[in-house]
Every structure is written in C-alpha cells, then in structure tokens.
Amino acid sequence: MSGPDEDDKPTVVLDLNALKKEKLKQEEELANLASGLEFNVFQESASSNSENPLKVDYNVILFDFQSNFFSKAIKGLPGGFHYVVVNNLNDLNQHLKSKKFQIVVFNYDVNPKAVNQLCAQIRQKLPSTKTLIMAKSISPEKAKIHAQTPSGANGYYQFPLDALKIEKEFDRIYSQVRKAS
C-alpha cells in the first residue's frame, strides 16, 4: 500500500482580493483618522517669551507611526537637538499644541497616505511647525514636485542616514523660518 493520496493533504487557500480589500480598508481608516485630528492651539504667556531669541532651541518630533525606525535610528541622528519620538496620533497632537518652532520628521516609506494627510494638515493649520519627509527613494526632482502639492513638506531627505546631511537639512528649514520672520 502506498502513502497518503495527494488529494488528501491539507491545502491553504488565500483570498488575495480579500487581503487587498482589508489593507485598503485599514489605509482608509488611517487616512480618515488623520483627517480627523484635532489640533489644539496653545496660547503662550508673555513670560515664556523671555528666552534668548538667538538661542536655537526647538524640538524635532520623530513620528514613528507603525514602525520603530526612529527609535532604533536616533543614535545616528545629529547631536544638539531635542528629539521626541512619538508613535501614535494622540501623542503627536499633544506635541503639536506648541506655537514654538518645531520640525516633525516622517518616514514616508511606512505609510505615504498618512504622511501626506498629516503634512497637509500641519501646513494648513500650524504655521510654526515644519515638516521633513525621509524616504528611501526621493530624488531631488520628486521632492521638488511633491513640495508644490498641498501635502508638500518643508524638507526632504533620502536615506541612508547621515548625521551631517540631516543637520544641514534641519538648519536649512530653520533658516527659512528665521528669514520669514
């Protein structure tokens, strides 16, 4: 007698269309959640303006949504900046209350739709907060085109991480704000 018949072996059937629909549904839910963010406006008191205006003191918010990239890569980022790693929308919203200059850094490769939604809202509602998009393949041409869209960022950076280049991009964004004020 021979072994078990080939037809008797268990099989797994994947419904790729159902998986695609589920992924699209999750992305749509995330985009809807991002569009529903409530940006609270923080009112600074007169006493908080007593800092030295020449001191470059601002937060760099690393938005680690659906990943741990920034948590792992923080040691490779330039020193001298106050980094805040945020991994959910509620925490991001809390940090966006500040009217002080700050830069929010997004990893575009993780969820481009959410990054575009958030950049558009920050650009529209929070003039003192600037955005930087990091991605594996964002050429200067693509960055220039994307910057012209409603979801365009104030800066773009192509991986791999290089502390000196990142610091130059932070400084470039900050200097644009200083020139405008």
Protein backbone atom coordinates (compact mmCIF):
# COMPACT_ATOMS: atom_id res chain seq x y z
CA MET A 1 0.00 0.00 0.00
CA SER A 2 1.33 3.44 -0.85
CA GLY A 3 1.38 6.64 1.28
CA PRO A 4 -1.47 9.10 1.64
CA ASP A 5 -3.09 10.27 -1.54
CA GLU A 6 -2.03 13.74 -2.77
CA ASP A 7 -5.65 14.86 -2.72
CA ASP A 8 -5.94 14.06 0.99
CA LYS A 9 -3.23 16.57 2.04
CA PRO A 10 -4.50 19.77 3.66
CA THR A 11 -4.36 22.85 1.48
CA VAL A 12 -4.42 26.53 2.27
CA VAL A 13 -6.37 28.88 0.06
CA LEU A 14 -5.60 32.58 0.28
CA ASP A 15 -8.11 35.07 -0.99
CA LEU A 16 -5.76 37.76 -2.29
CA ASN A 17 -8.62 40.07 -3.20
CA ALA A 18 -9.93 39.91 0.37
CA LEU A 19 -6.44 40.65 1.73
CA LYS A 20 -6.08 43.63 -0.63
CA LYS A 21 -9.51 44.94 0.39
CA GLU A 22 -8.61 44.62 4.07
CA LYS A 23 -5.33 46.50 3.53
CA LEU A 24 -7.12 49.27 1.62
CA LYS A 25 -9.74 49.46 4.37
CA GLN A 26 -7.00 49.84 7.02
CA GLU A 27 -5.26 52.56 4.99
CA GLU A 28 -8.57 54.38 4.51
CA GLU A 29 -9.30 54.19 8.23
CA LEU A 30 -5.85 55.63 8.97
CA ALA A 31 -6.35 58.44 6.45
CA ASN A 32 -9.76 59.21 7.97
CA LEU A 33 -8.26 59.18 11.45
CA ALA A 34 -5.50 61.53 10.31
CA SER A 35 -8.00 63.91 8.69
CA GLY A 36 -9.99 63.96 11.92
CA LEU A 37 -7.07 65.06 14.07
CA GLU A 38 -7.91 67.93 16.32
CA PHE A 39 -5.13 70.45 16.51
CA ASN A 40 -5.28 72.38 19.74
CA VAL A 41 -3.75 75.80 19.76
CA PHE A 42 -1.55 76.58 22.74
CA GLN A 43 -1.55 80.15 23.97
CA GLU A 44 1.89 81.21 25.18
CA SER A 45 2.12 83.56 28.12
CA ALA A 46 4.20 86.72 27.98
CA SER A 47 6.67 85.27 30.48
CA SER A 48 7.53 82.37 28.14
CA ASN A 49 8.98 84.83 25.63
CA SER A 50 11.84 85.80 27.95
CA GLU A 51 14.21 83.28 26.38
CA ASN A 52 17.23 84.45 24.42
CA PRO A 53 15.92 84.92 20.85
CA LEU A 54 19.30 83.93 19.37
CA LYS A 55 19.29 80.53 21.01
CA VAL A 56 18.35 77.77 18.57
CA ASP A 57 16.16 75.67 20.83
CA TYR A 58 13.46 73.62 19.15
CA ASN A 59 12.03 70.14 19.19
CA VAL A 60 12.46 67.60 16.44
CA ILE A 61 9.49 65.25 16.63
CA LEU A 62 10.22 61.86 15.09
CA PHE A 63 6.89 60.29 14.12
CA ASP A 64 7.39 56.55 14.44
CA PHE A 65 3.88 55.52 13.43
CA GLN A 66 3.54 51.80 12.61
CA SER A 67 7.29 51.32 12.87
CA ASN A 68 10.21 51.62 15.25
CA PHE A 69 12.63 53.09 12.73
CA PHE A 70 13.32 56.35 14.55
CA SER A 71 13.51 54.64 17.94
CA LYS A 72 16.33 52.49 16.59
CA ALA A 73 17.97 55.17 14.45
CA ILE A 74 18.02 58.01 16.98
CA LYS A 75 21.68 57.36 17.80
CA GLY A 76 22.58 58.02 14.15
CA LEU A 77 20.90 61.42 14.12
CA PRO A 78 22.85 64.63 14.68
CA GLY A 79 23.52 65.73 18.25
CA GLY A 80 22.46 69.03 19.75
CA PHE A 81 18.75 68.67 19.02
CA HIS A 82 15.93 67.83 21.38
CA TYR A 83 14.36 64.71 19.84
CA VAL A 84 10.94 63.45 20.80
CA VAL A 85 9.91 60.02 19.47
CA VAL A 86 6.15 59.79 19.01
CA ASN A 87 4.41 56.61 17.89
CA ASN A 88 0.70 57.50 17.86
CA LEU A 89 -1.56 60.28 16.69
CA ASN A 90 -2.72 61.30 20.17
CA ASP A 91 0.85 61.95 21.33
CA LEU A 92 1.62 63.80 18.10
CA ASN A 93 -1.39 66.01 18.67
CA GLN A 94 -0.16 66.83 22.19
CA HIS A 95 3.22 67.97 20.83
CA LEU A 96 1.60 69.99 18.06
CA LYS A 97 -0.10 72.23 20.64
CA SER A 98 3.05 74.31 20.91
CA LYS A 99 3.28 77.53 18.93
CA LYS A 100 7.06 77.37 19.13
CA PHE A 101 9.03 76.38 16.06
CA GLN A 102 9.43 72.62 15.72
CA ILE A 103 10.10 70.08 12.98
CA VAL A 104 8.09 66.90 12.57
CA VAL A 105 10.01 64.16 10.75
CA PHE A 106 8.07 61.46 8.89
CA ASN A 107 9.24 58.15 7.46
CA TYR A 108 7.38 58.25 4.14
CA ASP A 109 8.13 54.61 3.34
CA VAL A 110 5.94 53.28 6.18
CA ASN A 111 2.62 54.90 5.27
CA PRO A 112 2.73 57.53 2.50
CA LYS A 113 -1.01 58.28 2.60
CA ALA A 114 -0.95 59.11 6.30
CA VAL A 115 2.22 61.22 5.88
CA ASN A 116 0.58 63.19 3.07
CA GLN A 117 -2.56 63.77 5.15
CA LEU A 118 -0.59 64.90 8.18
CA CYS A 119 1.74 67.16 6.19
CA ALA A 120 -1.24 68.84 4.54
CA GLN A 121 -2.96 69.48 7.86
CA ILE A 122 0.18 70.72 9.59
CA ARG A 123 0.96 73.01 6.66
CA GLN A 124 -2.57 74.42 6.71
CA LYS A 125 -3.18 74.73 10.46
CA LEU A 126 0.19 75.09 12.18
CA PRO A 127 2.47 77.68 10.59
CA SER A 128 5.15 77.39 13.29
CA THR A 129 5.52 73.62 12.78
CA LYS A 130 7.52 72.47 9.78
CA THR A 131 7.76 69.00 8.25
CA LEU A 132 10.57 66.86 6.93
CA ILE A 133 9.93 63.72 4.91
CA MET A 134 12.52 60.95 4.87
CA ALA A 135 12.33 58.17 2.28
CA LYS A 136 14.44 55.58 0.52
CA SER A 137 13.83 56.84 -2.97
CA ILE A 138 13.01 60.51 -3.11
CA SER A 139 15.08 62.18 -5.76
CA PRO A 140 15.50 65.96 -5.79
CA GLU A 141 13.09 66.07 -8.75
CA LYS A 142 10.40 64.10 -6.89
CA ALA A 143 10.92 66.24 -3.80
CA LYS A 144 10.53 69.44 -5.80
CA ILE A 145 7.29 68.20 -7.35
CA HIS A 146 5.91 66.93 -4.03
CA ALA A 147 6.77 70.21 -2.27
CA GLN A 148 4.43 72.04 -4.67
CA THR A 149 1.43 69.90 -3.66
CA PRO A 150 -0.89 70.68 -0.72
CA SER A 151 0.79 67.85 1.21
CA GLY A 152 4.28 69.06 0.43
CA ALA A 153 6.87 69.16 3.18
CA ASN A 154 9.34 71.88 4.11
CA GLY A 155 12.25 69.50 3.65
CA TYR A 156 13.13 66.14 2.16
CA TYR A 157 15.85 63.66 2.97
CA GLN A 158 16.83 60.47 1.14
CA PHE A 159 18.12 57.52 3.17
CA PRO A 160 20.66 56.30 4.31
CA LEU A 161 21.02 58.37 7.45
CA ASP A 162 23.97 60.76 7.56
CA ALA A 163 24.04 62.97 10.65
CA LEU A 164 25.82 65.87 8.94
CA LYS A 165 23.38 65.96 5.99
CA ILE A 166 20.38 65.72 8.30
CA GLU A 167 21.71 68.57 10.43
CA LYS A 168 22.13 70.69 7.31
CA GLU A 169 18.51 69.99 6.35
CA PHE A 170 17.27 70.94 9.84
CA ASP A 171 19.34 74.14 9.66
CA ARG A 172 18.03 74.93 6.17
CA ILE A 173 14.41 74.60 7.34
CA TYR A 174 15.10 76.69 10.44
CA SER A 175 16.88 79.40 8.46
CA GLN A 176 13.87 79.74 6.11
CA VAL A 177 11.65 80.41 9.12
CA ARG A 178 14.08 82.95 10.56
CA LYS A 179 14.27 84.80 7.22
CA ALA A 180 10.48 84.96 7.01
CA SER A 181 10.09 86.45 10.48
